[in-house]
Amino acid sequence: MNYNEFRKLVQKWPLILSRDVIMNRADKQIIRNQLKRWSQKQLLIKLRRGVFILNADDRKVNPSRAYIANQLYTPSYVSLEYALHYYGFIPESVSDLTGITTKKTMRFKNDIGTFIYQHIKPKAFRGFRAFKDEAEFLFLIADPEKALVDFFYLNLEKFREGDMEVFDKSYRLQNLEKIKSKKIMEYADFFGNDKLKRVCRLFCEFIKEERKRR
């Protein structure tokens, strides 16, 4: 199979998995070698071992980084700063995309971006929903409240007891009018971490005070 034949076969695939390409073929190693050569020539972009995407000129679909993040390492959902910006809770866009997983912590860096995966216990692996990206591919992303709780949990060492200003001055959290304090505390309970619960209670007080000032 030459590259033109391969391109026509996969150009509508959001991602290319080597196992799918070599399935039921007798020349498996030849195909593996071709994928490697095409990757070296930048005809394919290698995202991680065994996972590729066609170069921008040849592919006919453009999946979002959020979709790619879900597929690179499963199970996972998008959370933390990427999700907080997605919902408008922080003003700055972020280049690195962080996913939450029940598997071990992992990191992939490729031409599409940097994908970081943080481990949490299975009991806390909930509170996410599915959206469609611009290419109509589904991706999983944390609920607004869960994105905040995940963020607090994975940054616990940065919080001091009673320091409410950190939410405004250090993290510049904004547009929190629709956040439900009850859901914040429900998600915090799943982690079984007392400090996290205290931080979340403090955050709920911060939201309450912000609403009084409006």
N, C-alpha and C. Protein backbone atom coordinates (compact mmCIF):
# COMPACT_ATOMS: atom_id res chain seq x y z
N MET A 1 0.85 -1.19 0.00
CA MET A 1 0.00 0.00 0.00
C MET A 1 0.88 1.25 0.00
N ASN A 2 0.69 2.11 -1.01
CA ASN A 2 1.46 3.36 -1.03
C ASN A 2 0.73 4.44 -0.24
N TYR A 3 1.37 5.62 -0.10
CA TYR A 3 0.79 6.65 0.76
C TYR A 3 -0.54 7.16 0.21
N ASN A 4 -0.67 7.34 -1.10
CA ASN A 4 -1.91 7.85 -1.67
C ASN A 4 -3.08 6.91 -1.39
N GLU A 5 -2.83 5.62 -1.49
CA GLU A 5 -3.86 4.64 -1.16
C GLU A 5 -4.24 4.73 0.32
N PHE A 6 -3.23 4.86 1.15
CA PHE A 6 -3.45 4.96 2.59
C PHE A 6 -4.22 6.23 2.93
N ARG A 7 -3.82 7.35 2.32
CA ARG A 7 -4.49 8.63 2.59
C ARG A 7 -5.97 8.56 2.25
N LYS A 8 -6.31 7.99 1.11
CA LYS A 8 -7.71 7.87 0.72
C LYS A 8 -8.50 7.00 1.70
N LEU A 9 -7.82 6.01 2.26
CA LEU A 9 -8.47 5.11 3.21
C LEU A 9 -8.81 5.80 4.53
N VAL A 10 -7.90 6.67 5.01
CA VAL A 10 -8.02 7.16 6.39
C VAL A 10 -8.31 8.65 6.52
N GLN A 11 -8.44 9.38 5.41
CA GLN A 11 -8.50 10.84 5.53
C GLN A 11 -9.78 11.34 6.21
N LYS A 12 -10.77 10.49 6.37
CA LYS A 12 -11.97 10.88 7.12
C LYS A 12 -11.97 10.32 8.54
N TRP A 13 -10.90 9.64 8.91
CA TRP A 13 -10.77 9.14 10.28
C TRP A 13 -10.28 10.27 11.18
N PRO A 14 -10.88 10.46 12.35
CA PRO A 14 -10.37 11.51 13.26
C PRO A 14 -8.97 11.18 13.78
N LEU A 15 -8.72 9.92 14.09
CA LEU A 15 -7.42 9.44 14.52
C LEU A 15 -7.12 8.13 13.82
N ILE A 16 -5.85 7.83 13.68
CA ILE A 16 -5.42 6.61 13.02
C ILE A 16 -4.72 5.73 14.05
N LEU A 17 -5.27 4.59 14.33
CA LEU A 17 -4.66 3.63 15.25
C LEU A 17 -3.98 2.54 14.43
N SER A 18 -2.73 2.32 14.71
CA SER A 18 -1.99 1.33 13.93
C SER A 18 -2.65 -0.04 13.99
N ARG A 19 -3.26 -0.38 15.13
CA ARG A 19 -3.89 -1.70 15.24
C ARG A 19 -5.06 -1.84 14.27
N ASP A 20 -5.75 -0.73 13.97
CA ASP A 20 -6.84 -0.79 13.01
C ASP A 20 -6.32 -0.95 11.59
N VAL A 21 -5.19 -0.32 11.29
CA VAL A 21 -4.63 -0.37 9.94
C VAL A 21 -4.09 -1.75 9.61
N ILE A 22 -3.47 -2.39 10.59
CA ILE A 22 -2.83 -3.69 10.33
C ILE A 22 -3.76 -4.88 10.57
N MET A 23 -4.96 -4.60 11.05
CA MET A 23 -5.88 -5.69 11.37
C MET A 23 -6.15 -6.55 10.14
N ASN A 24 -6.09 -7.83 10.32
CA ASN A 24 -6.38 -8.82 9.28
C ASN A 24 -5.44 -8.75 8.07
N ARG A 25 -4.27 -8.17 8.27
CA ARG A 25 -3.30 -8.11 7.17
C ARG A 25 -2.13 -9.04 7.47
N ALA A 26 -1.63 -9.67 6.41
CA ALA A 26 -0.50 -10.58 6.58
C ALA A 26 0.82 -9.83 6.68
N ASP A 27 0.87 -8.60 6.10
CA ASP A 27 2.12 -7.82 6.06
C ASP A 27 2.16 -6.78 7.19
N LYS A 28 1.87 -7.20 8.40
CA LYS A 28 1.77 -6.28 9.52
C LYS A 28 3.05 -5.47 9.73
N GLN A 29 4.21 -6.10 9.69
CA GLN A 29 5.45 -5.37 9.96
C GLN A 29 5.76 -4.38 8.85
N ILE A 30 5.41 -4.71 7.63
CA ILE A 30 5.62 -3.78 6.52
C ILE A 30 4.78 -2.52 6.75
N ILE A 31 3.54 -2.69 7.16
CA ILE A 31 2.67 -1.54 7.43
C ILE A 31 3.23 -0.71 8.58
N ARG A 32 3.70 -1.38 9.64
CA ARG A 32 4.29 -0.65 10.76
C ARG A 32 5.47 0.20 10.29
N ASN A 33 6.31 -0.37 9.44
CA ASN A 33 7.47 0.36 8.92
C ASN A 33 7.04 1.55 8.06
N GLN A 34 5.96 1.36 7.28
CA GLN A 34 5.45 2.47 6.47
C GLN A 34 4.93 3.61 7.34
N LEU A 35 4.19 3.26 8.39
CA LEU A 35 3.68 4.29 9.30
C LEU A 35 4.84 5.08 9.91
N LYS A 36 5.89 4.39 10.27
CA LYS A 36 7.06 5.05 10.84
C LYS A 36 7.69 5.99 9.84
N ARG A 37 7.86 5.56 8.59
CA ARG A 37 8.46 6.40 7.56
C ARG A 37 7.59 7.61 7.26
N TRP A 38 6.28 7.40 7.13
CA TRP A 38 5.38 8.52 6.85
C TRP A 38 5.36 9.52 7.99
N SER A 39 5.51 9.02 9.21
CA SER A 39 5.60 9.91 10.37
C SER A 39 6.88 10.74 10.32
N GLN A 40 7.99 10.13 9.95
CA GLN A 40 9.26 10.83 9.85
C GLN A 40 9.22 11.91 8.76
N LYS A 41 8.41 11.69 7.74
CA LYS A 41 8.26 12.65 6.64
C LYS A 41 7.18 13.69 6.93
N GLN A 42 6.57 13.61 8.12
CA GLN A 42 5.50 14.51 8.53
C GLN A 42 4.21 14.36 7.71
N LEU A 43 4.09 13.25 7.00
CA LEU A 43 2.83 12.95 6.35
C LEU A 43 1.80 12.52 7.40
N LEU A 44 2.29 11.87 8.43
CA LEU A 44 1.50 11.54 9.61
C LEU A 44 2.08 12.27 10.80
N ILE A 45 1.21 12.66 11.72
CA ILE A 45 1.65 13.25 12.99
C ILE A 45 1.46 12.19 14.07
N LYS A 46 2.55 11.81 14.71
CA LYS A 46 2.47 10.81 15.76
C LYS A 46 2.04 11.48 17.06
N LEU A 47 0.96 11.00 17.65
CA LEU A 47 0.43 11.57 18.89
C LEU A 47 0.94 10.81 20.11
N ARG A 48 1.05 9.53 19.98
CA ARG A 48 1.65 8.64 20.97
C ARG A 48 1.92 7.32 20.25
N ARG A 49 2.51 6.39 20.93
CA ARG A 49 2.80 5.11 20.28
C ARG A 49 1.52 4.48 19.75
N GLY A 50 1.52 4.21 18.45
CA GLY A 50 0.40 3.54 17.82
C GLY A 50 -0.78 4.42 17.47
N VAL A 51 -0.66 5.74 17.70
CA VAL A 51 -1.78 6.66 17.42
C VAL A 51 -1.25 7.83 16.57
N PHE A 52 -1.90 8.08 15.44
CA PHE A 52 -1.47 9.11 14.51
C PHE A 52 -2.67 9.93 14.05
N ILE A 53 -2.36 11.05 13.39
CA ILE A 53 -3.36 11.82 12.68
C ILE A 53 -2.72 12.27 11.37
N LEU A 54 -3.51 12.35 10.31
CA LEU A 54 -2.96 12.82 9.04
C LEU A 54 -2.49 14.27 9.16
N ASN A 55 -1.55 14.65 8.33
CA ASN A 55 -1.11 16.04 8.30
C ASN A 55 -2.28 16.94 7.90
N ALA A 56 -2.20 18.21 8.24
CA ALA A 56 -3.33 19.14 8.08
C ALA A 56 -3.81 19.26 6.63
N ASP A 57 -2.90 19.16 5.67
CA ASP A 57 -3.28 19.31 4.26
C ASP A 57 -4.07 18.11 3.74
N ASP A 58 -3.81 16.94 4.27
CA ASP A 58 -4.41 15.73 3.72
C ASP A 58 -5.67 15.25 4.44
N ARG A 59 -5.86 15.65 5.68
CA ARG A 59 -7.03 15.14 6.40
C ARG A 59 -8.27 15.95 6.06
N LYS A 60 -9.41 15.29 6.08
CA LYS A 60 -10.68 15.94 5.75
C LYS A 60 -11.51 16.26 6.99
N VAL A 61 -11.07 15.81 8.15
CA VAL A 61 -11.75 16.14 9.40
C VAL A 61 -10.71 16.68 10.38
N ASN A 62 -11.16 17.57 11.24
CA ASN A 62 -10.27 18.19 12.21
C ASN A 62 -10.84 18.06 13.61
N PRO A 63 -10.57 16.96 14.29
CA PRO A 63 -11.08 16.79 15.66
C PRO A 63 -10.44 17.80 16.60
N SER A 64 -11.17 18.17 17.63
CA SER A 64 -10.66 19.12 18.62
C SER A 64 -9.61 18.47 19.50
N ARG A 65 -8.83 19.31 20.17
CA ARG A 65 -7.85 18.80 21.12
C ARG A 65 -8.54 18.08 22.27
N ALA A 66 -9.74 18.53 22.63
CA ALA A 66 -10.48 17.86 23.71
C ALA A 66 -10.84 16.43 23.31
N TYR A 67 -11.29 16.26 22.06
CA TYR A 67 -11.60 14.91 21.58
C TYR A 67 -10.33 14.06 21.55
N ILE A 68 -9.26 14.62 21.04
CA ILE A 68 -7.99 13.89 20.98
C ILE A 68 -7.55 13.48 22.38
N ALA A 69 -7.70 14.38 23.34
CA ALA A 69 -7.29 14.09 24.71
C ALA A 69 -8.04 12.87 25.26
N ASN A 70 -9.34 12.81 25.01
CA ASN A 70 -10.13 11.66 25.47
C ASN A 70 -9.64 10.35 24.86
N GLN A 71 -9.26 10.41 23.58
CA GLN A 71 -8.90 9.19 22.87
C GLN A 71 -7.48 8.73 23.14
N LEU A 72 -6.59 9.65 23.46
CA LEU A 72 -5.19 9.29 23.68
C LEU A 72 -4.99 8.41 24.91
N TYR A 73 -5.84 8.63 25.92
CA TYR A 73 -5.65 7.92 27.19
C TYR A 73 -7.02 7.71 27.81
N THR A 74 -7.46 6.49 27.86
CA THR A 74 -8.80 6.20 28.36
C THR A 74 -8.73 5.26 29.57
N PRO A 75 -9.69 5.40 30.52
CA PRO A 75 -10.76 6.40 30.52
C PRO A 75 -10.23 7.76 30.98
N SER A 76 -10.76 8.81 30.42
CA SER A 76 -10.38 10.16 30.87
C SER A 76 -11.45 11.16 30.45
N TYR A 77 -11.46 12.28 31.13
CA TYR A 77 -12.29 13.41 30.73
C TYR A 77 -11.47 14.68 30.92
N VAL A 78 -11.78 15.71 30.17
CA VAL A 78 -11.06 16.99 30.23
C VAL A 78 -11.49 17.76 31.46
N SER A 79 -10.54 18.39 32.15
CA SER A 79 -10.88 19.14 33.36
C SER A 79 -9.84 20.23 33.60
N LEU A 80 -9.79 20.72 34.83
CA LEU A 80 -8.86 21.75 35.28
C LEU A 80 -8.91 23.00 34.40
N GLU A 81 -7.74 23.62 34.12
CA GLU A 81 -7.73 24.94 33.48
C GLU A 81 -8.43 24.97 32.12
N TYR A 82 -8.27 23.90 31.34
CA TYR A 82 -8.92 23.88 30.03
C TYR A 82 -10.44 23.97 30.19
N ALA A 83 -10.99 23.18 31.10
CA ALA A 83 -12.43 23.20 31.34
C ALA A 83 -12.87 24.54 31.96
N LEU A 84 -12.06 25.06 32.88
CA LEU A 84 -12.41 26.33 33.51
C LEU A 84 -12.48 27.46 32.48
N HIS A 85 -11.56 27.46 31.53
CA HIS A 85 -11.61 28.46 30.45
C HIS A 85 -12.79 28.18 29.51
N TYR A 86 -13.05 26.93 29.25
CA TYR A 86 -14.17 26.54 28.38
C TYR A 86 -15.49 27.11 28.90
N TYR A 87 -15.66 27.07 30.22
CA TYR A 87 -16.89 27.59 30.84
C TYR A 87 -16.81 29.09 31.16
N GLY A 88 -15.67 29.71 30.89
CA GLY A 88 -15.53 31.15 31.14
C GLY A 88 -15.20 31.51 32.57
N PHE A 89 -14.66 30.56 33.36
CA PHE A 89 -14.34 30.83 34.76
C PHE A 89 -12.96 31.46 34.95
N ILE A 90 -12.09 31.28 33.99
CA ILE A 90 -10.80 31.98 34.01
C ILE A 90 -10.63 32.66 32.66
N PRO A 91 -10.02 33.85 32.64
CA PRO A 91 -9.94 34.61 31.39
C PRO A 91 -8.91 34.08 30.40
N GLU A 92 -7.86 33.44 30.88
CA GLU A 92 -6.77 33.04 30.00
C GLU A 92 -7.03 31.67 29.37
N SER A 93 -6.78 31.57 28.07
CA SER A 93 -6.79 30.27 27.43
C SER A 93 -5.52 29.53 27.84
N VAL A 94 -5.53 28.22 27.75
CA VAL A 94 -4.39 27.43 28.19
C VAL A 94 -3.89 26.57 27.04
N SER A 95 -2.58 26.42 26.96
CA SER A 95 -1.99 25.63 25.88
C SER A 95 -1.98 24.14 26.23
N ASP A 96 -1.69 23.82 27.48
CA ASP A 96 -1.68 22.42 27.90
C ASP A 96 -3.09 21.98 28.26
N LEU A 97 -3.42 20.76 27.91
CA LEU A 97 -4.75 20.23 28.21
C LEU A 97 -4.62 19.12 29.24
N THR A 98 -5.37 19.24 30.33
CA THR A 98 -5.29 18.27 31.41
C THR A 98 -6.54 17.40 31.45
N GLY A 99 -6.32 16.11 31.48
CA GLY A 99 -7.40 15.16 31.63
C GLY A 99 -7.34 14.49 32.99
N ILE A 100 -8.46 13.99 33.44
CA ILE A 100 -8.56 13.25 34.69
C ILE A 100 -8.77 11.78 34.35
N THR A 101 -8.05 10.90 35.03
CA THR A 101 -8.12 9.48 34.73
C THR A 101 -8.04 8.65 36.01
N THR A 102 -8.50 7.42 35.94
CA THR A 102 -8.31 6.50 37.06
C THR A 102 -7.02 5.71 36.90
N LYS A 103 -6.38 5.85 35.77
CA LYS A 103 -5.10 5.17 35.52
C LYS A 103 -3.96 6.03 36.06
N LYS A 104 -2.74 5.57 35.86
CA LYS A 104 -1.60 6.31 36.40
C LYS A 104 -1.40 7.64 35.68
N THR A 105 -0.76 8.57 36.36
CA THR A 105 -0.46 9.88 35.77
C THR A 105 0.38 9.69 34.51
N MET A 106 0.06 10.48 33.47
CA MET A 106 0.73 10.31 32.19
C MET A 106 0.83 11.66 31.49
N ARG A 107 1.78 11.75 30.56
CA ARG A 107 1.98 13.00 29.81
C ARG A 107 2.41 12.65 28.38
N PHE A 108 1.76 13.29 27.39
CA PHE A 108 2.14 13.13 25.99
C PHE A 108 2.36 14.51 25.39
N LYS A 109 3.48 14.68 24.72
CA LYS A 109 3.77 15.93 24.02
C LYS A 109 3.98 15.62 22.55
N ASN A 110 3.23 16.30 21.69
CA ASN A 110 3.32 16.08 20.25
C ASN A 110 3.05 17.38 19.51
N ASP A 111 2.94 17.32 18.20
CA ASP A 111 2.77 18.54 17.41
C ASP A 111 1.40 19.18 17.59
N ILE A 112 0.45 18.46 18.15
CA ILE A 112 -0.87 19.02 18.42
C ILE A 112 -0.89 19.78 19.74
N GLY A 113 -0.06 19.36 20.71
CA GLY A 113 -0.01 20.02 22.01
C GLY A 113 0.52 19.11 23.09
N THR A 114 0.38 19.57 24.32
CA THR A 114 0.79 18.76 25.48
C THR A 114 -0.46 18.29 26.20
N PHE A 115 -0.52 16.99 26.43
CA PHE A 115 -1.68 16.37 27.06
C PHE A 115 -1.22 15.73 28.37
N ILE A 116 -1.78 16.23 29.48
CA ILE A 116 -1.40 15.78 30.81
C ILE A 116 -2.59 15.07 31.44
N TYR A 117 -2.33 13.94 32.07
CA TYR A 117 -3.40 13.15 32.70
C TYR A 117 -3.08 12.97 34.17
N GLN A 118 -4.01 13.40 35.02
CA GLN A 118 -3.85 13.31 36.47
C GLN A 118 -4.75 12.22 37.03
N HIS A 119 -4.18 11.43 37.92
CA HIS A 119 -4.91 10.31 38.51
C HIS A 119 -5.78 10.77 39.68
N ILE A 120 -6.99 10.23 39.74
CA ILE A 120 -7.83 10.35 40.93
C ILE A 120 -8.43 8.97 41.22
N LYS A 121 -8.94 8.80 42.43
CA LYS A 121 -9.52 7.51 42.81
C LYS A 121 -10.80 7.26 42.02
N PRO A 122 -11.13 6.00 41.73
CA PRO A 122 -12.31 5.68 40.93
C PRO A 122 -13.61 6.27 41.48
N LYS A 123 -13.73 6.36 42.81
CA LYS A 123 -14.96 6.89 43.39
C LYS A 123 -15.21 8.34 42.98
N ALA A 124 -14.13 9.08 42.74
CA ALA A 124 -14.25 10.49 42.36
C ALA A 124 -14.31 10.70 40.85
N PHE A 125 -14.22 9.61 40.09
CA PHE A 125 -14.23 9.71 38.63
C PHE A 125 -15.68 9.78 38.15
N ARG A 126 -16.23 10.95 38.25
CA ARG A 126 -17.61 11.22 37.87
C ARG A 126 -17.77 12.73 37.71
N GLY A 127 -18.98 13.16 37.34
CA GLY A 127 -19.22 14.59 37.21
C GLY A 127 -18.73 15.17 35.90
N PHE A 128 -18.90 14.42 34.82
CA PHE A 128 -18.52 14.94 33.50
C PHE A 128 -19.66 14.71 32.53
N ARG A 129 -19.61 15.41 31.43
CA ARG A 129 -20.67 15.34 30.43
C ARG A 129 -20.08 15.30 29.03
N ALA A 130 -20.90 14.98 28.04
CA ALA A 130 -20.44 14.89 26.66
C ALA A 130 -20.92 16.10 25.86
N PHE A 131 -20.02 16.67 25.07
CA PHE A 131 -20.35 17.73 24.13
C PHE A 131 -19.81 17.34 22.76
N LYS A 132 -20.34 17.96 21.71
CA LYS A 132 -19.80 17.77 20.37
C LYS A 132 -18.88 18.93 20.02
N ASP A 133 -17.73 18.61 19.42
CA ASP A 133 -16.84 19.68 18.97
C ASP A 133 -17.28 20.17 17.60
N GLU A 134 -16.52 21.07 16.99
CA GLU A 134 -16.92 21.66 15.72
C GLU A 134 -16.98 20.64 14.58
N ALA A 135 -16.26 19.54 14.75
CA ALA A 135 -16.28 18.49 13.73
C ALA A 135 -17.33 17.42 14.03
N GLU A 136 -18.17 17.67 15.06
CA GLU A 136 -19.26 16.77 15.45
C GLU A 136 -18.77 15.51 16.16
N PHE A 137 -17.56 15.55 16.72
CA PHE A 137 -17.06 14.43 17.51
C PHE A 137 -17.33 14.68 18.98
N LEU A 138 -17.77 13.64 19.68
CA LEU A 138 -18.08 13.78 21.10
C LEU A 138 -16.82 13.77 21.94
N PHE A 139 -16.78 14.65 22.94
CA PHE A 139 -15.70 14.62 23.92
C PHE A 139 -16.29 14.77 25.31
N LEU A 140 -15.60 14.26 26.30
CA LEU A 140 -16.05 14.30 27.69
C LEU A 140 -15.32 15.40 28.42
N ILE A 141 -16.06 16.21 29.14
CA ILE A 141 -15.48 17.33 29.89
C ILE A 141 -16.19 17.44 31.25
N ALA A 142 -15.47 17.83 32.26
CA ALA A 142 -16.04 17.95 33.60
C ALA A 142 -17.18 18.95 33.64
N ASP A 143 -18.18 18.68 34.48
CA ASP A 143 -19.18 19.69 34.81
C ASP A 143 -18.46 20.91 35.38
N PRO A 144 -19.08 22.09 35.32
CA PRO A 144 -18.43 23.28 35.89
C PRO A 144 -17.97 23.08 37.34
N GLU A 145 -18.86 22.56 38.17
CA GLU A 145 -18.50 22.36 39.58
C GLU A 145 -17.41 21.31 39.75
N LYS A 146 -17.44 20.25 38.94
CA LYS A 146 -16.43 19.21 39.07
C LYS A 146 -15.06 19.70 38.60
N ALA A 147 -15.04 20.53 37.56
CA ALA A 147 -13.78 21.11 37.10
C ALA A 147 -13.12 21.92 38.21
N LEU A 148 -13.93 22.65 38.97
CA LEU A 148 -13.41 23.44 40.09
C LEU A 148 -12.89 22.53 41.20
N VAL A 149 -13.66 21.51 41.55
CA VAL A 149 -13.24 20.61 42.63
C VAL A 149 -11.98 19.84 42.22
N ASP A 150 -11.91 19.38 40.98
CA ASP A 150 -10.69 18.72 40.50
C ASP A 150 -9.49 19.67 40.62
N PHE A 151 -9.71 20.91 40.24
CA PHE A 151 -8.64 21.90 40.31
C PHE A 151 -8.17 22.12 41.74
N PHE A 152 -9.12 22.27 42.65
CA PHE A 152 -8.75 22.46 44.06
C PHE A 152 -7.99 21.24 44.59
N TYR A 153 -8.49 20.06 44.27
CA TYR A 153 -7.87 18.83 44.78
C TYR A 153 -6.42 18.70 44.31
N LEU A 154 -6.18 18.99 43.06
CA LEU A 154 -4.84 18.80 42.50
C LEU A 154 -3.91 19.98 42.77
N ASN A 155 -4.44 21.00 43.45
CA ASN A 155 -3.61 22.14 43.86
C ASN A 155 -3.73 22.41 45.36
N LEU A 156 -4.05 21.39 46.14
CA LEU A 156 -4.31 21.59 47.57
C LEU A 156 -3.16 22.25 48.31
N GLU A 157 -1.92 21.92 47.92
CA GLU A 157 -0.76 22.46 48.65
C GLU A 157 -0.65 23.98 48.51
N LYS A 158 -1.35 24.57 47.55
CA LYS A 158 -1.27 26.01 47.32
C LYS A 158 -2.30 26.80 48.14
N PHE A 159 -3.19 26.10 48.84
CA PHE A 159 -4.24 26.78 49.59
C PHE A 159 -3.88 26.85 51.07
N ARG A 160 -4.06 28.04 51.64
CA ARG A 160 -3.85 28.24 53.07
C ARG A 160 -5.21 28.37 53.76
N GLU A 161 -5.26 27.93 55.00
CA GLU A 161 -6.51 27.98 55.77
C GLU A 161 -7.05 29.42 55.83
N GLY A 162 -8.32 29.58 55.44
CA GLY A 162 -8.99 30.86 55.57
C GLY A 162 -8.65 31.90 54.52
N ASP A 163 -7.80 31.55 53.54
CA ASP A 163 -7.38 32.52 52.53
C ASP A 163 -8.39 32.55 51.38
N MET A 164 -9.37 33.41 51.51
CA MET A 164 -10.42 33.50 50.51
C MET A 164 -9.97 34.30 49.29
N GLU A 165 -8.99 35.20 49.47
CA GLU A 165 -8.56 36.06 48.37
C GLU A 165 -7.90 35.29 47.23
N VAL A 166 -7.41 34.08 47.53
CA VAL A 166 -6.72 33.30 46.51
C VAL A 166 -7.63 33.01 45.30
N PHE A 167 -8.92 32.89 45.54
CA PHE A 167 -9.84 32.58 44.45
C PHE A 167 -9.96 33.75 43.47
N ASP A 168 -9.81 34.95 43.98
CA ASP A 168 -9.96 36.14 43.15
C ASP A 168 -8.62 36.64 42.62
N LYS A 169 -7.65 36.79 43.50
CA LYS A 169 -6.39 37.43 43.10
C LYS A 169 -5.41 36.47 42.44
N SER A 170 -5.27 35.27 42.96
CA SER A 170 -4.29 34.34 42.40
C SER A 170 -4.84 33.59 41.19
N TYR A 171 -6.11 33.16 41.26
CA TYR A 171 -6.66 32.35 40.17
C TYR A 171 -7.63 33.13 39.30
N ARG A 172 -8.00 34.34 39.72
CA ARG A 172 -8.85 35.23 38.93
C ARG A 172 -10.12 34.54 38.46
N LEU A 173 -10.74 33.78 39.37
CA LEU A 173 -11.98 33.10 39.03
C LEU A 173 -13.10 34.12 38.83
N GLN A 174 -13.90 33.91 37.82
CA GLN A 174 -14.93 34.88 37.45
C GLN A 174 -16.16 34.16 36.89
N ASN A 175 -17.23 34.94 36.70
CA ASN A 175 -18.47 34.41 36.09
C ASN A 175 -18.99 33.18 36.82
N LEU A 176 -19.03 33.26 38.14
CA LEU A 176 -19.39 32.09 38.95
C LEU A 176 -20.86 32.10 39.40
N GLU A 177 -21.68 32.95 38.76
CA GLU A 177 -23.05 33.13 39.21
C GLU A 177 -23.88 31.83 39.18
N LYS A 178 -23.59 30.97 38.21
CA LYS A 178 -24.41 29.77 38.05
C LYS A 178 -23.85 28.56 38.79
N ILE A 179 -22.76 28.74 39.50
CA ILE A 179 -22.17 27.62 40.25
C ILE A 179 -23.08 27.26 41.43
N LYS A 180 -23.31 25.97 41.60
CA LYS A 180 -24.17 25.48 42.68
C LYS A 180 -23.29 24.96 43.82
N SER A 181 -23.37 25.63 44.94
CA SER A 181 -22.54 25.26 46.09
C SER A 181 -22.81 23.83 46.55
N LYS A 182 -24.06 23.41 46.47
CA LYS A 182 -24.39 22.05 46.89
C LYS A 182 -23.65 21.01 46.06
N LYS A 183 -23.55 21.25 44.76
CA LYS A 183 -22.83 20.31 43.88
C LYS A 183 -21.33 20.34 44.17
N ILE A 184 -20.80 21.51 44.50
CA ILE A 184 -19.39 21.60 44.87
C ILE A 184 -19.10 20.66 46.04
N MET A 185 -19.92 20.73 47.07
CA MET A 185 -19.69 19.92 48.27
C MET A 185 -19.96 18.43 48.00
N GLU A 186 -20.93 18.13 47.16
CA GLU A 186 -21.19 16.73 46.82
C GLU A 186 -20.00 16.11 46.11
N TYR A 187 -19.41 16.83 45.18
CA TYR A 187 -18.24 16.32 44.47
C TYR A 187 -17.03 16.20 45.40
N ALA A 188 -16.90 17.16 46.31
CA ALA A 188 -15.78 17.12 47.26
C ALA A 188 -15.85 15.88 48.14
N ASP A 189 -17.04 15.47 48.50
CA ASP A 189 -17.21 14.29 49.36
C ASP A 189 -16.64 13.03 48.75
N PHE A 190 -16.70 12.92 47.43
CA PHE A 190 -16.23 11.71 46.76
C PHE A 190 -14.72 11.49 46.91
N PHE A 191 -13.98 12.55 47.21
CA PHE A 191 -12.52 12.42 47.33
C PHE A 191 -12.10 11.94 48.72
N GLY A 192 -12.97 12.14 49.71
CA GLY A 192 -12.63 11.71 51.07
C GLY A 192 -11.42 12.43 51.64
N ASN A 193 -11.29 13.72 51.34
CA ASN A 193 -10.14 14.51 51.77
C ASN A 193 -10.64 15.70 52.58
N ASP A 194 -10.26 15.76 53.85
CA ASP A 194 -10.78 16.81 54.74
C ASP A 194 -10.33 18.21 54.31
N LYS A 195 -9.08 18.34 53.89
CA LYS A 195 -8.62 19.67 53.47
C LYS A 195 -9.39 20.13 52.24
N LEU A 196 -9.64 19.23 51.32
CA LEU A 196 -10.41 19.60 50.13
C LEU A 196 -11.79 20.10 50.53
N LYS A 197 -12.42 19.44 51.48
CA LYS A 197 -13.74 19.87 51.93
C LYS A 197 -13.67 21.27 52.52
N ARG A 198 -12.61 21.56 53.28
CA ARG A 198 -12.48 22.90 53.87
C ARG A 198 -12.27 23.96 52.78
N VAL A 199 -11.46 23.63 51.80
CA VAL A 199 -11.23 24.58 50.69
C VAL A 199 -12.53 24.82 49.93
N CYS A 200 -13.30 23.77 49.70
CA CYS A 200 -14.55 23.91 48.97
C CYS A 200 -15.58 24.72 49.78
N ARG A 201 -15.62 24.52 51.09
CA ARG A 201 -16.51 25.33 51.93
C ARG A 201 -16.11 26.80 51.85
N LEU A 202 -14.82 27.05 51.89
CA LEU A 202 -14.32 28.43 51.79
C LEU A 202 -14.69 29.02 50.43
N PHE A 203 -14.59 28.21 49.39
CA PHE A 203 -14.95 28.70 48.07
C PHE A 203 -16.44 29.02 47.99
N CYS A 204 -17.26 28.21 48.63
CA CYS A 204 -18.70 28.48 48.65
C CYS A 204 -19.00 29.79 49.38
N GLU A 205 -18.22 30.07 50.44
CA GLU A 205 -18.36 31.35 51.13
C GLU A 205 -17.94 32.50 50.21
N PHE A 206 -16.88 32.27 49.42
CA PHE A 206 -16.42 33.27 48.46
C PHE A 206 -17.51 33.59 47.44
N ILE A 207 -18.17 32.55 46.94
CA ILE A 207 -19.26 32.77 45.97
C ILE A 207 -20.38 33.58 46.60
N LYS A 208 -20.71 33.23 47.85
CA LYS A 208 -21.78 33.93 48.56
C LYS A 208 -21.46 35.41 48.73
N GLU A 209 -20.22 35.70 49.10
CA GLU A 209 -19.79 37.09 49.28
C GLU A 209 -19.79 37.83 47.95
N GLU A 210 -19.38 37.16 46.88
CA GLU A 210 -19.38 37.79 45.57
C GLU A 210 -20.78 38.17 45.12
N ARG A 211 -21.74 37.31 45.44
CA ARG A 211 -23.11 37.58 45.05
C ARG A 211 -23.68 38.76 45.82
N LYS A 212 -23.25 38.92 47.07
CA LYS A 212 -23.72 40.06 47.87
C LYS A 212 -23.21 41.38 47.30
N ARG A 213 -22.02 41.33 46.71
CA ARG A 213 -21.45 42.57 46.18
C ARG A 213 -22.02 42.98 44.84
N ARG A 214 -22.79 42.12 44.22
CA ARG A 214 -23.34 42.43 42.89
C ARG A 214 -24.73 43.07 42.99
